[in-house]
């Protein structure tokens, strides 16, 4: 399939080894940054529908199930009372372990 990739000049010229990007097929180039283009578009729109459409969910389970996962240690400040996620301890490679009770 053929498609156009919108990216910055670093990626477009082959930075990061993105497949197929070597600077030889640039369709459009501007001095504006991606952030400026998005900012201008948002200002032009005046209002943007920020509604989130759920695209996935967990299936209900018959009994409470505890799931343990790794995430940033900085997430520890975001869990606690009122959430079903709790800090469990240190994980590997600088990550932290958290648990989530599925009901």
Protein backbone atom coordinates (compact mmCIF):
# COMPACT_ATOMS: atom_id res chain seq x y z
CA UNK A 1 0.00 0.00 0.00
CA UNK A 2 1.08 3.54 -0.64
CA UNK A 3 0.50 6.21 2.00
CA UNK A 4 1.84 9.54 3.18
CA UNK A 5 3.59 9.75 6.55
CA UNK A 6 3.35 13.07 8.38
CA UNK A 7 6.44 13.56 10.50
CA UNK A 8 9.23 15.93 11.37
CA UNK A 9 12.35 16.46 9.26
CA UNK A 10 14.45 14.23 11.52
CA UNK A 11 12.30 11.15 10.79
CA UNK A 12 11.66 12.13 7.16
CA UNK A 13 15.40 12.21 6.47
CA UNK A 14 15.99 8.77 7.95
CA UNK A 15 16.54 9.55 11.62
CA UNK A 16 15.58 6.71 13.94
CA UNK A 17 15.74 4.12 11.13
CA UNK A 18 12.02 4.41 10.35
CA UNK A 19 11.40 1.97 7.44
CA UNK A 20 11.09 3.65 4.06
CA UNK A 21 12.10 7.09 5.30
CA UNK A 22 15.38 8.30 3.82
CA UNK A 23 14.52 11.84 2.66
CA UNK A 24 14.12 10.87 -0.99
CA UNK A 25 10.30 10.93 -1.08
CA UNK A 26 9.34 14.16 0.71
CA UNK A 27 5.91 15.28 -0.57
CA UNK A 28 5.58 18.56 1.34
CA UNK A 29 8.03 20.48 3.51
CA UNK A 30 7.49 23.54 5.70
CA UNK A 31 9.44 25.48 8.29
CA UNK A 32 6.49 25.21 10.72
CA UNK A 33 6.75 22.62 13.47
CA UNK A 34 4.14 19.90 13.95
CA UNK A 35 3.09 21.66 17.16
CA UNK A 36 2.53 24.98 15.35
CA UNK A 37 0.41 23.33 12.65
CA UNK A 38 -1.76 21.56 15.23
CA UNK A 39 -2.06 24.74 17.34
CA UNK A 40 -3.15 26.76 14.29
CA UNK A 41 -5.70 24.11 13.34
CA UNK A 42 -7.16 24.08 16.87
CA UNK A 43 -7.44 27.88 16.89
CA UNK A 44 -9.12 27.81 13.48
CA UNK A 45 -11.66 25.21 14.64
CA UNK A 46 -12.58 27.30 17.72
CA UNK A 47 -14.23 24.24 19.31
CA UNK A 48 -13.09 20.66 19.23
CA UNK A 49 -15.17 17.65 20.25
CA UNK A 50 -13.04 16.05 22.94
CA UNK A 51 -15.49 13.23 23.65
CA UNK A 52 -13.77 9.89 24.07
CA UNK A 53 -15.34 6.87 22.42
CA UNK A 54 -14.45 3.72 24.34
CA UNK A 55 -12.82 1.28 21.95
CA UNK A 56 -12.15 -1.59 24.34
CA UNK A 57 -13.03 -2.87 27.77
CA UNK A 58 -12.36 -5.83 30.00
CA UNK A 59 -14.80 -8.73 29.96
CA UNK A 60 -16.57 -9.28 33.28
CA UNK A 61 -15.03 -12.01 35.43
CA UNK A 62 -16.85 -14.40 37.76
CA UNK A 63 -14.73 -13.68 40.81
CA UNK A 64 -12.29 -10.96 41.84
CA UNK A 65 -8.98 -11.40 39.97
CA UNK A 66 -5.78 -9.60 40.87
CA UNK A 67 -3.62 -8.49 37.93
CA UNK A 68 -0.01 -7.42 38.58
CA UNK A 69 1.76 -5.16 36.07
CA UNK A 70 4.84 -2.95 35.75
CA UNK A 71 4.76 0.81 35.26
CA UNK A 72 6.71 3.92 36.18
CA UNK A 73 7.66 4.37 39.84
CA UNK A 74 6.28 7.92 39.47
CA UNK A 75 2.77 6.44 39.08
CA UNK A 76 2.88 5.54 42.76
CA UNK A 77 1.72 9.06 43.67
CA UNK A 78 -1.43 8.53 41.56
CA UNK A 79 -2.73 5.39 43.25
CA UNK A 80 -4.32 4.96 46.63
CA UNK A 81 -7.70 5.56 48.23
CA UNK A 82 -10.54 5.53 45.75
CA UNK A 83 -8.72 3.46 43.14
CA UNK A 84 -8.54 -0.27 42.51
CA UNK A 85 -4.83 0.02 41.75
CA UNK A 86 -2.23 -0.26 44.48
CA UNK A 87 1.56 -0.18 44.62
CA UNK A 88 3.05 -3.66 45.21
CA UNK A 89 6.80 -3.06 45.20
CA UNK A 90 9.87 -2.72 43.02
CA UNK A 91 9.85 -4.32 39.58
CA UNK A 92 12.74 -4.99 37.21
CA UNK A 93 14.85 -2.48 35.29
CA UNK A 94 13.71 0.53 37.31
CA UNK A 95 9.98 -0.17 37.01
CA UNK A 96 7.51 -0.51 39.88
CA UNK A 97 4.90 -3.23 40.38
CA UNK A 98 1.21 -2.42 40.77
CA UNK A 99 -1.86 -4.58 41.18
CA UNK A 100 -5.38 -4.06 39.87
CA UNK A 101 -8.38 -5.94 41.25
CA UNK A 102 -10.77 -6.92 38.46
CA UNK A 103 -14.36 -7.52 39.51
